[in-house]
N, C-alpha and C. Protein backbone atom coordinates (compact mmCIF):
# COMPACT_ATOMS: atom_id res chain seq x y z
N MET A 1 -20.93 -18.29 239.05
CA MET A 1 -19.90 -17.28 239.10
C MET A 1 -19.19 -17.23 237.75
N THR A 2 -19.04 -16.01 237.22
CA THR A 2 -18.34 -15.82 235.95
C THR A 2 -17.17 -14.87 236.18
N PHE A 3 -16.01 -15.28 235.69
CA PHE A 3 -14.82 -14.44 235.73
C PHE A 3 -14.52 -14.02 234.30
N LYS A 4 -14.22 -12.74 234.12
CA LYS A 4 -13.93 -12.24 232.77
C LYS A 4 -12.54 -11.62 232.72
N THR A 5 -11.88 -11.85 231.60
CA THR A 5 -10.57 -11.27 231.34
C THR A 5 -10.45 -11.00 229.85
N THR A 6 -9.42 -10.27 229.46
CA THR A 6 -9.19 -10.01 228.04
C THR A 6 -7.76 -10.41 227.68
N ARG A 7 -7.57 -10.65 226.41
CA ARG A 7 -6.23 -10.99 225.90
C ARG A 7 -6.12 -10.47 224.48
N LYS A 8 -5.02 -9.78 224.23
CA LYS A 8 -4.73 -9.32 222.87
C LYS A 8 -3.87 -10.37 222.18
N VAL A 9 -4.24 -10.74 220.97
CA VAL A 9 -3.50 -11.75 220.23
C VAL A 9 -2.14 -11.18 219.82
N GLU A 10 -1.09 -11.88 220.20
CA GLU A 10 0.27 -11.47 219.87
C GLU A 10 0.76 -12.22 218.62
N PHE A 11 1.80 -11.70 218.01
CA PHE A 11 2.36 -12.32 216.81
C PHE A 11 2.74 -13.78 217.06
N ALA A 12 3.28 -14.05 218.25
CA ALA A 12 3.71 -15.42 218.58
C ALA A 12 2.53 -16.39 218.69
N ASP A 13 1.31 -15.87 218.79
CA ASP A 13 0.12 -16.72 218.87
C ASP A 13 -0.35 -17.20 217.50
N THR A 14 0.21 -16.64 216.44
CA THR A 14 -0.30 -16.92 215.09
C THR A 14 0.57 -17.92 214.33
N ASP A 15 -0.03 -18.49 213.30
CA ASP A 15 0.69 -19.41 212.42
C ASP A 15 1.04 -18.69 211.12
N LEU A 16 1.53 -19.41 210.12
CA LEU A 16 1.96 -18.80 208.87
C LEU A 16 0.82 -18.12 208.11
N SER A 17 -0.41 -18.53 208.39
CA SER A 17 -1.55 -17.91 207.71
C SER A 17 -1.95 -16.59 208.37
N GLY A 18 -1.34 -16.29 209.53
CA GLY A 18 -1.68 -15.06 210.26
C GLY A 18 -2.83 -15.24 211.23
N LEU A 19 -3.35 -16.47 211.34
CA LEU A 19 -4.44 -16.75 212.27
C LEU A 19 -3.88 -17.36 213.55
N VAL A 20 -4.65 -17.27 214.62
CA VAL A 20 -4.23 -17.88 215.88
C VAL A 20 -4.13 -19.39 215.68
N HIS A 21 -2.99 -19.95 216.05
CA HIS A 21 -2.77 -21.39 215.97
C HIS A 21 -3.68 -22.07 216.99
N PHE A 22 -4.28 -23.17 216.62
CA PHE A 22 -5.26 -23.84 217.49
C PHE A 22 -4.71 -24.12 218.89
N SER A 23 -3.44 -24.47 218.99
CA SER A 23 -2.86 -24.84 220.29
C SER A 23 -2.80 -23.67 221.26
N ARG A 24 -2.79 -22.46 220.75
CA ARG A 24 -2.68 -21.28 221.63
C ARG A 24 -3.93 -21.09 222.49
N PHE A 25 -5.07 -21.61 222.03
CA PHE A 25 -6.28 -21.49 222.86
C PHE A 25 -6.12 -22.23 224.18
N PHE A 26 -5.32 -23.30 224.19
CA PHE A 26 -5.08 -24.01 225.44
C PHE A 26 -4.23 -23.15 226.38
N VAL A 27 -3.29 -22.40 225.84
CA VAL A 27 -2.51 -21.45 226.64
C VAL A 27 -3.43 -20.34 227.16
N PHE A 28 -4.31 -19.84 226.31
CA PHE A 28 -5.26 -18.80 226.73
C PHE A 28 -6.14 -19.31 227.87
N MET A 29 -6.61 -20.56 227.77
CA MET A 29 -7.46 -21.12 228.82
C MET A 29 -6.68 -21.26 230.13
N GLU A 30 -5.45 -21.75 230.04
CA GLU A 30 -4.66 -21.93 231.25
C GLU A 30 -4.37 -20.59 231.92
N THR A 31 -4.03 -19.59 231.13
CA THR A 31 -3.77 -18.26 231.68
C THR A 31 -5.01 -17.69 232.35
N ALA A 32 -6.16 -17.84 231.71
CA ALA A 32 -7.41 -17.36 232.29
C ALA A 32 -7.75 -18.11 233.57
N GLU A 33 -7.48 -19.41 233.60
CA GLU A 33 -7.71 -20.20 234.82
C GLU A 33 -6.84 -19.66 235.96
N HIS A 34 -5.58 -19.38 235.68
CA HIS A 34 -4.68 -18.86 236.71
C HIS A 34 -5.18 -17.52 237.23
N GLN A 35 -5.63 -16.64 236.32
CA GLN A 35 -6.17 -15.35 236.73
C GLN A 35 -7.42 -15.53 237.59
N PHE A 36 -8.27 -16.48 237.21
CA PHE A 36 -9.47 -16.78 237.98
C PHE A 36 -9.11 -17.21 239.40
N LEU A 37 -8.17 -18.15 239.54
CA LEU A 37 -7.76 -18.60 240.88
C LEU A 37 -7.17 -17.46 241.69
N ARG A 38 -6.37 -16.60 241.05
CA ARG A 38 -5.82 -15.43 241.78
C ARG A 38 -6.93 -14.52 242.27
N SER A 39 -8.01 -14.39 241.49
CA SER A 39 -9.12 -13.54 241.90
C SER A 39 -9.80 -14.08 243.17
N LEU A 40 -9.60 -15.37 243.45
CA LEU A 40 -10.15 -15.99 244.65
C LEU A 40 -9.17 -15.96 245.82
N GLY A 41 -7.96 -15.43 245.57
CA GLY A 41 -6.92 -15.41 246.61
C GLY A 41 -6.09 -16.67 246.62
N ALA A 42 -6.13 -17.45 245.55
CA ALA A 42 -5.40 -18.71 245.45
C ALA A 42 -4.43 -18.65 244.28
N GLU A 43 -3.67 -19.71 244.11
CA GLU A 43 -2.74 -19.85 242.99
C GLU A 43 -2.86 -21.27 242.45
N VAL A 44 -2.38 -21.47 241.24
CA VAL A 44 -2.41 -22.80 240.66
C VAL A 44 -1.41 -23.73 241.37
N HIS A 45 -0.35 -23.18 241.92
CA HIS A 45 0.58 -23.89 242.82
C HIS A 45 0.65 -23.07 244.09
N MET A 46 0.29 -23.70 245.21
CA MET A 46 0.28 -22.96 246.47
C MET A 46 0.46 -23.93 247.63
N GLN A 47 0.70 -23.38 248.78
CA GLN A 47 0.82 -24.18 249.99
C GLN A 47 -0.56 -24.34 250.63
N HIS A 48 -0.83 -25.55 251.09
CA HIS A 48 -2.08 -25.83 251.81
C HIS A 48 -1.80 -26.92 252.83
N GLU A 49 -2.04 -26.61 254.09
CA GLU A 49 -1.82 -27.55 255.19
C GLU A 49 -0.44 -28.17 255.14
N GLY A 50 0.57 -27.35 254.85
CA GLY A 50 1.96 -27.80 254.85
C GLY A 50 2.41 -28.53 253.60
N HIS A 51 1.58 -28.57 252.58
CA HIS A 51 1.93 -29.26 251.35
C HIS A 51 1.79 -28.32 250.16
N GLU A 52 2.57 -28.63 249.11
CA GLU A 52 2.41 -27.93 247.85
C GLU A 52 1.28 -28.61 247.09
N ILE A 53 0.31 -27.80 246.64
CA ILE A 53 -0.78 -28.38 245.86
C ILE A 53 -0.80 -27.77 244.46
N GLY A 54 -1.37 -28.49 243.54
CA GLY A 54 -1.50 -28.04 242.17
C GLY A 54 -2.73 -28.67 241.54
N TRP A 55 -2.90 -28.41 240.25
CA TRP A 55 -4.11 -28.81 239.53
C TRP A 55 -3.76 -29.52 238.22
N PRO A 56 -3.29 -30.76 238.26
CA PRO A 56 -3.05 -31.48 237.00
C PRO A 56 -4.35 -31.62 236.20
N ARG A 57 -4.22 -31.57 234.88
CA ARG A 57 -5.37 -31.70 233.99
C ARG A 57 -5.66 -33.17 233.71
N VAL A 58 -6.93 -33.48 233.64
CA VAL A 58 -7.33 -34.82 233.24
C VAL A 58 -8.11 -34.80 231.93
N ASN A 59 -8.52 -33.60 231.51
CA ASN A 59 -9.22 -33.47 230.24
C ASN A 59 -9.13 -32.02 229.77
N ALA A 60 -9.00 -31.84 228.46
CA ALA A 60 -8.99 -30.49 227.87
C ALA A 60 -9.52 -30.60 226.45
N SER A 61 -10.38 -29.65 226.09
CA SER A 61 -10.91 -29.64 224.73
C SER A 61 -11.21 -28.21 224.31
N CYS A 62 -11.27 -28.00 223.00
CA CYS A 62 -11.59 -26.68 222.48
C CYS A 62 -12.30 -26.85 221.14
N GLU A 63 -13.35 -26.08 220.95
CA GLU A 63 -14.09 -26.05 219.69
C GLU A 63 -13.89 -24.67 219.08
N TYR A 64 -13.48 -24.64 217.82
CA TYR A 64 -13.15 -23.39 217.13
C TYR A 64 -14.31 -22.99 216.23
N LEU A 65 -14.78 -21.76 216.39
CA LEU A 65 -16.00 -21.32 215.71
C LEU A 65 -15.75 -20.26 214.65
N SER A 66 -14.72 -19.43 214.84
CA SER A 66 -14.44 -18.34 213.90
C SER A 66 -12.97 -17.96 214.02
N PRO A 67 -12.29 -17.70 212.91
CA PRO A 67 -10.86 -17.38 212.98
C PRO A 67 -10.61 -15.99 213.56
N ILE A 68 -9.46 -15.86 214.22
CA ILE A 68 -8.99 -14.56 214.70
C ILE A 68 -7.51 -14.45 214.39
N GLY A 69 -7.01 -13.23 214.39
CA GLY A 69 -5.63 -13.03 214.00
C GLY A 69 -4.88 -12.03 214.87
N PHE A 70 -3.68 -11.75 214.44
CA PHE A 70 -2.77 -10.85 215.15
C PHE A 70 -3.46 -9.51 215.44
N GLY A 71 -3.33 -9.06 216.69
CA GLY A 71 -3.88 -7.77 217.10
C GLY A 71 -5.32 -7.81 217.57
N ASP A 72 -6.03 -8.89 217.29
CA ASP A 72 -7.41 -8.99 217.76
C ASP A 72 -7.44 -9.07 219.28
N GLU A 73 -8.50 -8.53 219.88
CA GLU A 73 -8.66 -8.61 221.32
C GLU A 73 -9.80 -9.56 221.64
N LEU A 74 -9.53 -10.48 222.54
CA LEU A 74 -10.50 -11.49 222.94
C LEU A 74 -11.00 -11.20 224.34
N ASP A 75 -12.30 -11.32 224.53
CA ASP A 75 -12.87 -11.37 225.86
C ASP A 75 -13.00 -12.86 226.20
N ILE A 76 -12.54 -13.23 227.39
CA ILE A 76 -12.58 -14.62 227.81
C ILE A 76 -13.42 -14.71 229.08
N GLU A 77 -14.48 -15.50 229.02
CA GLU A 77 -15.33 -15.75 230.18
C GLU A 77 -15.01 -17.12 230.73
N VAL A 78 -14.76 -17.19 232.04
CA VAL A 78 -14.47 -18.45 232.72
C VAL A 78 -15.63 -18.73 233.68
N THR A 79 -16.20 -19.91 233.56
CA THR A 79 -17.21 -20.35 234.52
C THR A 79 -16.83 -21.74 235.01
N VAL A 80 -17.28 -22.08 236.19
CA VAL A 80 -17.09 -23.43 236.71
C VAL A 80 -18.32 -24.23 236.29
N GLY A 81 -18.12 -25.13 235.36
CA GLY A 81 -19.22 -25.94 234.86
C GLY A 81 -19.60 -27.05 235.82
N ARG A 82 -18.60 -27.54 236.55
CA ARG A 82 -18.83 -28.60 237.53
C ARG A 82 -17.77 -28.48 238.61
N LYS A 83 -18.23 -28.54 239.86
CA LYS A 83 -17.30 -28.58 240.99
C LYS A 83 -17.57 -29.85 241.77
N GLY A 84 -16.60 -30.76 241.75
CA GLY A 84 -16.68 -31.95 242.56
C GLY A 84 -15.98 -31.69 243.89
N THR A 85 -15.75 -32.73 244.66
CA THR A 85 -15.03 -32.55 245.91
C THR A 85 -13.52 -32.40 245.67
N LYS A 86 -13.02 -33.00 244.56
CA LYS A 86 -11.59 -32.97 244.29
C LYS A 86 -11.23 -32.40 242.93
N SER A 87 -12.23 -32.09 242.10
CA SER A 87 -11.94 -31.59 240.76
C SER A 87 -12.89 -30.48 240.37
N MET A 88 -12.47 -29.71 239.37
CA MET A 88 -13.32 -28.68 238.80
C MET A 88 -13.21 -28.75 237.29
N THR A 89 -14.33 -28.52 236.63
CA THR A 89 -14.36 -28.40 235.19
C THR A 89 -14.66 -26.94 234.86
N TYR A 90 -13.70 -26.31 234.21
CA TYR A 90 -13.85 -24.91 233.81
C TYR A 90 -14.37 -24.87 232.38
N ARG A 91 -15.23 -23.90 232.11
CA ARG A 91 -15.69 -23.64 230.75
C ARG A 91 -15.22 -22.26 230.35
N PHE A 92 -14.79 -22.16 229.11
CA PHE A 92 -14.24 -20.91 228.58
C PHE A 92 -14.99 -20.52 227.32
N ASP A 93 -15.43 -19.28 227.27
CA ASP A 93 -16.03 -18.72 226.06
C ASP A 93 -15.14 -17.58 225.59
N PHE A 94 -14.73 -17.65 224.32
CA PHE A 94 -13.88 -16.64 223.70
C PHE A 94 -14.72 -15.81 222.74
N VAL A 95 -14.71 -14.49 222.95
CA VAL A 95 -15.55 -13.61 222.14
C VAL A 95 -14.71 -12.45 221.63
N LYS A 96 -14.90 -12.14 220.34
CA LYS A 96 -14.29 -10.95 219.73
C LYS A 96 -15.45 -10.06 219.29
N GLY A 97 -15.61 -8.94 219.99
CA GLY A 97 -16.76 -8.08 219.70
C GLY A 97 -18.04 -8.80 220.04
N GLU A 98 -18.85 -9.05 219.03
CA GLU A 98 -20.11 -9.78 219.22
C GLU A 98 -20.01 -11.23 218.74
N THR A 99 -18.83 -11.64 218.27
CA THR A 99 -18.67 -12.95 217.66
C THR A 99 -18.00 -13.93 218.62
N LYS A 100 -18.67 -15.06 218.89
CA LYS A 100 -18.03 -16.11 219.67
C LYS A 100 -17.07 -16.84 218.75
N VAL A 101 -15.79 -16.88 219.12
CA VAL A 101 -14.78 -17.47 218.24
C VAL A 101 -14.35 -18.87 218.67
N ALA A 102 -14.55 -19.20 219.95
CA ALA A 102 -14.19 -20.54 220.42
C ALA A 102 -14.83 -20.78 221.78
N ARG A 103 -14.91 -22.06 222.13
CA ARG A 103 -15.31 -22.43 223.48
C ARG A 103 -14.51 -23.66 223.86
N GLY A 104 -14.11 -23.69 225.12
CA GLY A 104 -13.27 -24.79 225.57
C GLY A 104 -13.63 -25.24 226.96
N GLU A 105 -12.97 -26.30 227.38
CA GLU A 105 -13.24 -26.88 228.68
C GLU A 105 -11.97 -27.55 229.19
N ILE A 106 -11.71 -27.39 230.47
CA ILE A 106 -10.58 -28.06 231.13
C ILE A 106 -11.09 -28.65 232.44
N THR A 107 -10.76 -29.90 232.69
CA THR A 107 -11.02 -30.51 233.99
C THR A 107 -9.69 -30.71 234.68
N ALA A 108 -9.59 -30.19 235.90
CA ALA A 108 -8.36 -30.27 236.68
C ALA A 108 -8.68 -30.86 238.05
N VAL A 109 -7.74 -31.62 238.59
CA VAL A 109 -7.90 -32.27 239.89
C VAL A 109 -6.96 -31.62 240.88
N CYS A 110 -7.47 -31.28 242.05
CA CYS A 110 -6.65 -30.71 243.11
C CYS A 110 -5.80 -31.82 243.71
N CYS A 111 -4.48 -31.62 243.73
CA CYS A 111 -3.57 -32.68 244.18
C CYS A 111 -2.46 -32.14 245.07
N VAL A 112 -2.04 -32.95 246.01
CA VAL A 112 -0.80 -32.72 246.73
C VAL A 112 0.32 -33.16 245.80
N LEU A 113 1.33 -32.30 245.65
CA LEU A 113 2.40 -32.58 244.69
C LEU A 113 3.71 -33.04 245.32
N ASP A 114 3.87 -32.85 246.63
CA ASP A 114 5.19 -33.05 247.23
C ASP A 114 5.26 -34.24 248.19
N GLU A 115 4.45 -35.25 247.99
CA GLU A 115 4.53 -36.43 248.84
C GLU A 115 5.53 -37.43 248.25
N PRO A 116 6.24 -38.17 249.09
CA PRO A 116 7.23 -39.12 248.59
C PRO A 116 6.67 -40.15 247.60
N GLY A 117 5.42 -40.57 247.76
CA GLY A 117 4.84 -41.58 246.90
C GLY A 117 4.28 -41.04 245.60
N GLY A 118 4.40 -39.75 245.36
CA GLY A 118 3.86 -39.14 244.15
C GLY A 118 2.66 -38.27 244.45
N ILE A 119 1.99 -37.83 243.40
CA ILE A 119 0.86 -36.93 243.60
C ILE A 119 -0.36 -37.70 244.10
N ARG A 120 -1.21 -36.97 244.85
CA ARG A 120 -2.41 -37.58 245.43
C ARG A 120 -3.53 -36.57 245.38
N ALA A 121 -4.69 -36.99 244.88
CA ALA A 121 -5.86 -36.11 244.82
C ALA A 121 -6.35 -35.81 246.23
N ILE A 122 -6.73 -34.55 246.45
CA ILE A 122 -7.27 -34.12 247.75
C ILE A 122 -8.53 -33.30 247.51
N GLU A 123 -9.27 -33.08 248.58
CA GLU A 123 -10.44 -32.21 248.47
C GLU A 123 -9.99 -30.79 248.18
N ILE A 124 -10.79 -30.09 247.41
CA ILE A 124 -10.49 -28.69 247.07
C ILE A 124 -10.50 -27.88 248.37
N PRO A 125 -9.44 -27.11 248.63
CA PRO A 125 -9.38 -26.32 249.86
C PRO A 125 -10.57 -25.36 249.97
N PRO A 126 -11.05 -25.14 251.20
CA PRO A 126 -12.19 -24.24 251.41
C PRO A 126 -11.97 -22.84 250.82
N LEU A 127 -10.74 -22.34 250.82
CA LEU A 127 -10.44 -21.02 250.23
C LEU A 127 -10.99 -20.92 248.82
N ILE A 128 -10.93 -22.01 248.09
CA ILE A 128 -11.44 -22.05 246.71
C ILE A 128 -12.87 -22.57 246.67
N ALA A 129 -13.10 -23.72 247.30
CA ALA A 129 -14.40 -24.40 247.21
C ALA A 129 -15.55 -23.53 247.70
N ASP A 130 -15.32 -22.76 248.74
CA ASP A 130 -16.39 -21.94 249.31
C ASP A 130 -16.75 -20.75 248.46
N GLN A 131 -15.94 -20.42 247.46
CA GLN A 131 -16.18 -19.25 246.62
C GLN A 131 -16.76 -19.58 245.25
N VAL A 132 -16.77 -20.86 244.88
CA VAL A 132 -17.30 -21.22 243.56
C VAL A 132 -18.51 -22.14 243.67
């Protein structure tokens, strides 16, 4: 399954050189992940079986292939590279026109967030797991 979205580079995304600051790609990935979950009828923070659940990150990386700047439009492809019982690894491809500008990966664990003893990993709810 591939989810696609677009993002226009804003001035706040750039550094003094006028290029997108490396850290902004992590924001782009997180935003695309949230849009992907919404497309499945879920949210990054939602209620499940009477508990608030969320997706803390356990790994994030990004490889930069070509610079982009203010006003550029990016196509972002999100795929699930790995789905475990309690975690998912998302892969992100960033493309401007015909040029791949970056690729990244985030691994997130599905967790109950509102238990007295702290967060606890749980199985991915069927609403999400059955669609990816």
